[in-house]
Protein backbone atom coordinates (compact mmCIF):
# COMPACT_ATOMS: atom_id res chain seq x y z
CA MET A 1 0.00 0.00 0.00
CA GLU A 2 2.86 2.36 0.73
CA GLU A 3 4.12 1.86 -2.82
CA ILE A 4 0.72 2.50 -4.42
CA ILE A 5 -0.03 5.87 -2.78
CA PRO A 6 2.93 7.77 -4.31
CA GLU A 7 2.08 6.40 -7.76
CA LEU A 8 -1.53 7.50 -7.43
CA SER A 9 -0.36 10.88 -6.25
CA VAL A 10 1.72 11.36 -9.40
CA LEU A 11 -1.16 10.20 -11.59
CA LEU A 12 -3.43 12.72 -9.89
CA LEU A 13 -1.01 15.53 -10.71
CA VAL A 14 -0.98 14.50 -14.36
CA ILE A 15 -4.79 14.38 -14.38
CA VAL A 16 -4.97 17.88 -12.86
CA ARG A 17 -2.73 19.39 -15.56
CA VAL A 18 -4.46 17.65 -18.47
CA THR A 19 -7.97 18.35 -17.18
CA SER A 20 -7.28 22.03 -16.55
CA PHE A 21 -5.75 22.20 -20.02
CA PHE A 22 -8.93 20.77 -21.55
CA ILE A 23 -11.07 23.35 -19.74
CA VAL A 24 -9.91 26.23 -21.94
CA ILE A 25 -8.19 24.74 -24.99
CA PRO A 26 -10.08 25.28 -28.27
CA LEU A 27 -11.95 22.31 -29.74
CA PHE A 28 -11.68 20.09 -26.66
CA SER A 29 -13.46 22.57 -24.39
CA HIS A 30 -16.64 22.86 -26.46
CA ARG A 31 -19.77 22.56 -24.37
CA THR A 32 -21.36 20.45 -27.07
CA ILE A 33 -19.01 17.65 -25.99
CA PRO A 34 -20.53 15.95 -22.92
CA ALA A 35 -18.63 16.63 -19.73
CA MET A 36 -18.31 12.93 -18.94
CA HIS A 37 -16.66 12.33 -22.31
CA ARG A 38 -14.18 15.15 -21.77
CA ILE A 39 -13.34 13.97 -18.27
CA GLY A 40 -13.00 10.38 -19.42
CA PHE A 41 -10.73 11.35 -22.30
CA ALA A 42 -8.62 13.52 -19.99
CA ILE A 43 -8.21 10.67 -17.51
CA LEU A 44 -7.38 8.19 -20.27
CA LEU A 45 -4.81 10.54 -21.76
CA SER A 46 -3.33 11.20 -18.32
CA TRP A 47 -3.06 7.47 -17.66
CA MET A 48 -1.15 6.96 -20.93
CA MET A 49 1.08 9.95 -20.26
CA TYR A 50 1.88 8.70 -16.77
CA TYR A 51 3.67 5.65 -18.19
CA THR A 52 5.57 7.61 -20.83
CA VAL A 53 6.67 10.61 -18.78
CA GLU A 54 9.51 10.12 -16.33
CA VAL A 55 8.19 11.27 -12.97
CA PRO A 56 9.54 10.85 -9.44
CA MET A 57 7.63 9.34 -6.56
CA LEU A 58 5.84 11.93 -4.45
CA GLU A 59 4.42 11.81 -0.96
CA ILE A 60 1.08 13.38 -0.09
CA ASP A 61 1.94 16.24 2.26
CA GLY A 62 1.79 20.03 2.38
CA ARG A 63 4.16 20.32 -0.57
CA TYR A 64 1.86 18.10 -2.60
CA VAL A 65 -1.00 20.60 -2.25
CA LEU A 66 1.22 23.27 -3.79
CA LEU A 67 2.07 20.90 -6.63
CA VAL A 68 -1.64 20.35 -7.34
CA LEU A 69 -2.22 24.10 -7.52
CA LYS A 70 0.83 24.49 -9.74
CA GLU A 71 -0.34 21.77 -12.13
CA ALA A 72 -3.75 23.40 -12.46
CA LEU A 73 -2.12 26.77 -13.13
CA VAL A 74 0.19 25.29 -15.77
CA GLY A 75 -2.64 23.57 -17.62
CA LEU A 76 -4.82 26.68 -17.57
CA SER A 77 -1.94 28.91 -18.69
CA ILE A 78 -1.04 26.75 -21.68
CA GLY A 79 -4.65 26.34 -22.75
CA LEU A 80 -5.41 30.02 -22.28
CA ALA A 81 -2.42 30.97 -24.43
CA ALA A 82 -3.79 28.86 -27.28
CA TYR A 83 -7.29 30.24 -26.78
CA ILE A 84 -6.06 33.84 -26.90
CA ILE A 85 -4.43 33.29 -30.28
CA LEU A 86 -7.45 31.59 -31.83
CA ALA A 87 -9.68 34.38 -30.54
CA ALA A 88 -8.41 36.36 -33.54
CA ILE A 89 -10.95 34.49 -35.66
CA GLN A 90 -13.83 35.72 -33.50
CA ILE A 91 -12.46 39.27 -33.54
CA ALA A 92 -12.17 39.21 -37.33
CA GLY A 93 -15.78 38.07 -37.54
CA ALA A 94 -16.84 40.86 -35.19
CA LEU A 95 -15.13 43.45 -37.40
CA ILE A 96 -16.87 42.07 -40.48
CA ASP A 97 -20.24 41.91 -38.72
CA PHE A 98 -19.89 45.50 -37.57
CA GLN A 99 -19.54 46.67 -41.16
CA MET A 100 -22.24 44.33 -42.47
CA GLY A 101 -24.76 45.29 -39.82
CA PHE A 102 -24.86 41.78 -38.36
CA ILE A 103 -23.48 42.96 -35.03
CA ILE A 104 -27.04 43.02 -33.66
CA ALA A 105 -27.57 39.34 -34.56
CA ASN A 106 -25.36 37.32 -32.24
CA VAL A 107 -25.37 33.56 -31.72
CA ILE A 108 -24.40 31.38 -28.77
CA ASP A 109 -20.82 30.16 -28.83
CA PRO A 110 -20.86 26.44 -27.91
CA GLN A 111 -17.39 26.76 -26.39
CA THR A 112 -18.01 29.60 -23.94
CA GLY A 113 -21.81 29.79 -23.81
CA ALA A 114 -21.62 33.53 -24.50
CA GLN A 115 -23.03 35.49 -27.42
CA THR A 116 -20.60 35.84 -30.32
CA PRO A 117 -20.76 37.51 -33.75
CA LEU A 118 -22.51 35.52 -36.44
CA THR A 119 -19.67 35.71 -38.95
CA GLY A 120 -17.12 35.05 -36.23
CA GLN A 121 -18.87 31.83 -35.27
CA TYR A 122 -19.10 30.86 -38.94
CA LEU A 123 -15.37 31.38 -39.46
CA ASN A 124 -14.57 29.69 -36.17
CA MET A 125 -16.42 26.52 -37.16
CA PHE A 126 -14.55 26.34 -40.46
CA ALA A 127 -11.27 27.05 -38.68
CA LEU A 128 -11.85 24.15 -36.28
CA LEU A 129 -12.64 21.88 -39.22
CA LEU A 130 -9.40 23.02 -40.85
CA LEU A 131 -7.59 22.33 -37.58
CA LEU A 132 -8.91 18.77 -37.61
CA ALA A 133 -8.08 18.32 -41.29
CA LEU A 134 -4.49 19.42 -40.68
CA ASP A 135 -4.17 17.13 -37.62
CA GLY A 136 -3.72 20.21 -35.49
CA HIS A 137 -5.46 18.50 -32.58
CA HIS A 138 -2.57 16.03 -32.50
CA LEU A 139 -0.14 18.91 -32.15
CA ILE A 140 -2.26 20.39 -29.36
CA LEU A 141 -2.07 17.09 -27.47
CA ASP A 142 1.67 16.99 -28.15
CA GLY A 143 1.87 20.40 -26.50
CA ILE A 144 0.48 19.19 -23.18
CA TYR A 145 2.57 16.00 -23.42
CA TYR A 146 5.88 17.78 -23.96
CA SER A 147 5.04 20.35 -21.30
CA TYR A 148 6.63 17.98 -18.79
CA GLN A 149 9.99 18.54 -20.46
CA TYR A 150 9.70 22.26 -19.72
CA ILE A 151 7.86 22.11 -16.39
CA PRO A 152 8.51 18.87 -14.46
CA VAL A 153 5.92 17.49 -12.10
CA ASP A 154 8.04 18.05 -9.00
CA GLN A 155 8.84 21.69 -9.83
CA ILE A 156 6.88 24.00 -7.55
CA ALA A 157 8.17 27.45 -8.49
CA LEU A 158 6.99 29.11 -11.69
CA ARG A 159 8.53 32.21 -13.23
CA PHE A 160 6.00 34.96 -12.70
CA GLY A 161 8.13 37.51 -10.88
CA ASP A 162 10.40 38.80 -13.64
CA GLY A 163 7.58 40.00 -15.91
CA SER A 164 8.79 38.11 -18.98
CA LEU A 165 5.58 36.09 -19.22
CA ALA A 166 3.41 39.21 -18.97
CA ASN A 167 5.45 40.92 -21.68
CA TYR A 168 5.15 37.90 -23.94
CA ILE A 169 1.38 37.64 -23.45
CA SER A 170 0.99 41.33 -24.27
CA ARG A 171 2.95 40.83 -27.49
CA ALA A 172 0.81 37.80 -28.31
CA PHE A 173 -2.29 39.95 -27.83
CA GLY A 174 -0.90 42.49 -30.28
CA MET A 175 -0.09 39.80 -32.84
CA MET A 176 -3.56 38.32 -32.41
CA PHE A 177 -5.24 41.64 -33.17
CA MET A 178 -2.97 42.17 -36.16
CA LEU A 179 -3.89 38.78 -37.63
CA ALA A 180 -7.57 39.47 -36.97
CA LEU A 181 -7.26 42.73 -38.88
CA GLN A 182 -5.53 40.93 -41.75
CA MET A 183 -8.40 38.45 -42.02
CA ALA A 184 -11.13 41.08 -41.85
CA MET A 185 -9.48 43.87 -43.85
CA PRO A 186 -10.55 42.80 -47.39
CA VAL A 187 -14.23 42.62 -46.44
CA VAL A 188 -14.10 45.70 -44.21
CA ALA A 189 -12.36 47.77 -46.90
CA VAL A 190 -14.89 46.82 -49.59
CA LEU A 191 -17.81 47.54 -47.26
CA PHE A 192 -16.29 50.91 -46.46
CA LEU A 193 -16.29 51.73 -50.17
CA VAL A 194 -19.90 50.56 -50.36
CA ASP A 195 -20.76 52.92 -47.50
CA VAL A 196 -19.10 55.77 -49.37
CA ALA A 197 -21.05 54.93 -52.53
CA LEU A 198 -24.31 54.73 -50.60
CA GLY A 199 -23.56 58.08 -49.00
CA ILE A 200 -23.07 59.65 -52.43
CA VAL A 201 -26.33 58.12 -53.63
CA ALA A 202 -28.15 59.41 -50.56
CA ARG A 203 -26.90 62.93 -51.26
CA THR A 204 -27.75 62.87 -54.95
CA VAL A 205 -31.11 61.07 -54.65
CA PRO A 206 -32.63 62.05 -51.28
CA GLN A 207 -35.90 60.28 -52.10
CA ILE A 208 -34.26 56.86 -51.69
CA ASN A 209 -34.45 55.33 -48.22
CA ILE A 210 -30.77 54.49 -48.08
CA PHE A 211 -31.07 52.47 -44.88
CA VAL A 212 -33.60 50.09 -46.41
CA VAL A 213 -31.71 49.78 -49.69
CA GLY A 214 -28.20 49.75 -48.28
CA PHE A 215 -28.60 46.95 -45.77
CA PRO A 216 -29.23 44.10 -48.27
CA ILE A 217 -26.64 45.55 -50.64
CA LYS A 218 -23.96 45.47 -47.94
CA ILE A 219 -24.88 41.92 -46.97
CA ALA A 220 -24.72 40.71 -50.58
CA VAL A 221 -21.42 42.47 -51.24
CA ALA A 222 -19.93 41.13 -48.01
CA PHE A 223 -20.83 37.54 -48.85
CA ILE A 224 -19.44 37.88 -52.37
CA VAL A 225 -16.17 39.31 -51.09
CA MET A 226 -15.92 36.63 -48.40
CA VAL A 227 -16.29 33.91 -51.02
CA VAL A 228 -13.59 35.53 -53.15
CA VAL A 229 -11.08 36.02 -50.32
CA MET A 230 -11.90 32.88 -48.32
CA GLY A 231 -8.69 31.24 -49.48
CA ALA A 232 -6.62 34.17 -48.25
CA ILE A 233 -8.49 34.21 -44.94
CA PHE A 234 -7.74 30.57 -44.26
CA ALA A 235 -4.13 31.06 -45.30
CA VAL A 236 -3.95 33.50 -42.39
CA VAL A 237 -5.77 30.94 -40.22
CA GLU A 238 -3.04 28.39 -40.97
CA GLU A 239 -0.49 30.97 -39.87
CA LEU A 240 -2.62 31.44 -36.77
CA PHE A 241 -2.39 27.72 -35.97
CA GLU A 242 1.38 27.84 -36.28
CA MET A 243 1.51 30.87 -34.02
CA MET A 244 -0.70 29.09 -31.49
CA LEU A 245 1.73 26.17 -31.23
CA TYR A 246 4.73 28.49 -30.89
CA THR A 247 2.89 30.48 -28.23
CA MET A 248 2.14 27.34 -26.22
CA ARG A 249 5.80 26.34 -26.40
CA ASP A 250 7.05 29.78 -25.40
CA VAL A 251 4.63 29.99 -22.47
CA MET A 252 5.87 26.62 -21.23
CA THR A 253 9.46 27.80 -21.60
CA LEU A 254 8.79 31.00 -19.68
CA LEU A 255 6.87 29.23 -16.92
CA GLY A 256 9.48 26.55 -16.50
CA GLY A 257 12.43 28.91 -16.66
CA THR A 258 14.26 26.75 -19.20
């Protein structure tokens, strides 16, 4: 019995990191996936990782409680870093919806349960399908697996004091907004020109109700432009996936101090 307890304690730490990672990571954290399935998959993955990751034996004491908190923080930090990067897709959709006039028609995001822009949810669904098609979910799982090379199980201290992690996250935020602007700019620019044209028409022909006429025109133009530039948008999405993986790795490096 004395030999079993330390092994179970290590397995519990692995489960805590993987489960907290699945809480916020895109795709795996969708509320449409039953909670029992997510928990079961997290436990199964943790059990497989336990036998492949070299971990020391740990005793359940006061230090162990700190390790549990640290594992939860590590999993949440890595997953949140990936979620922040992929949020660029939702922001791009919000920018497009604002110009189209769809900003008043939000839908429920199955991942967060909050209201999100219609176009943003549309692009997000296609992005997740692209992520699956490119086997990106395998790379996401590799990220949590190789996190033990950067942050061992028995390491309590994490590097939060020097400010390097905060600086990196702020730069990641800036890059995320830049990529969102790149995805939305073609549609936003064309809709801006449509607004200018509608303004000229409203000045020259005051009898036309420009609000009634302009709304369907902007929607039609936006959809046409989105179809034309969809390839370019998803080229940026592929770059976004690559940036997400690099961000996860860099966050692990900064947290572990390696």
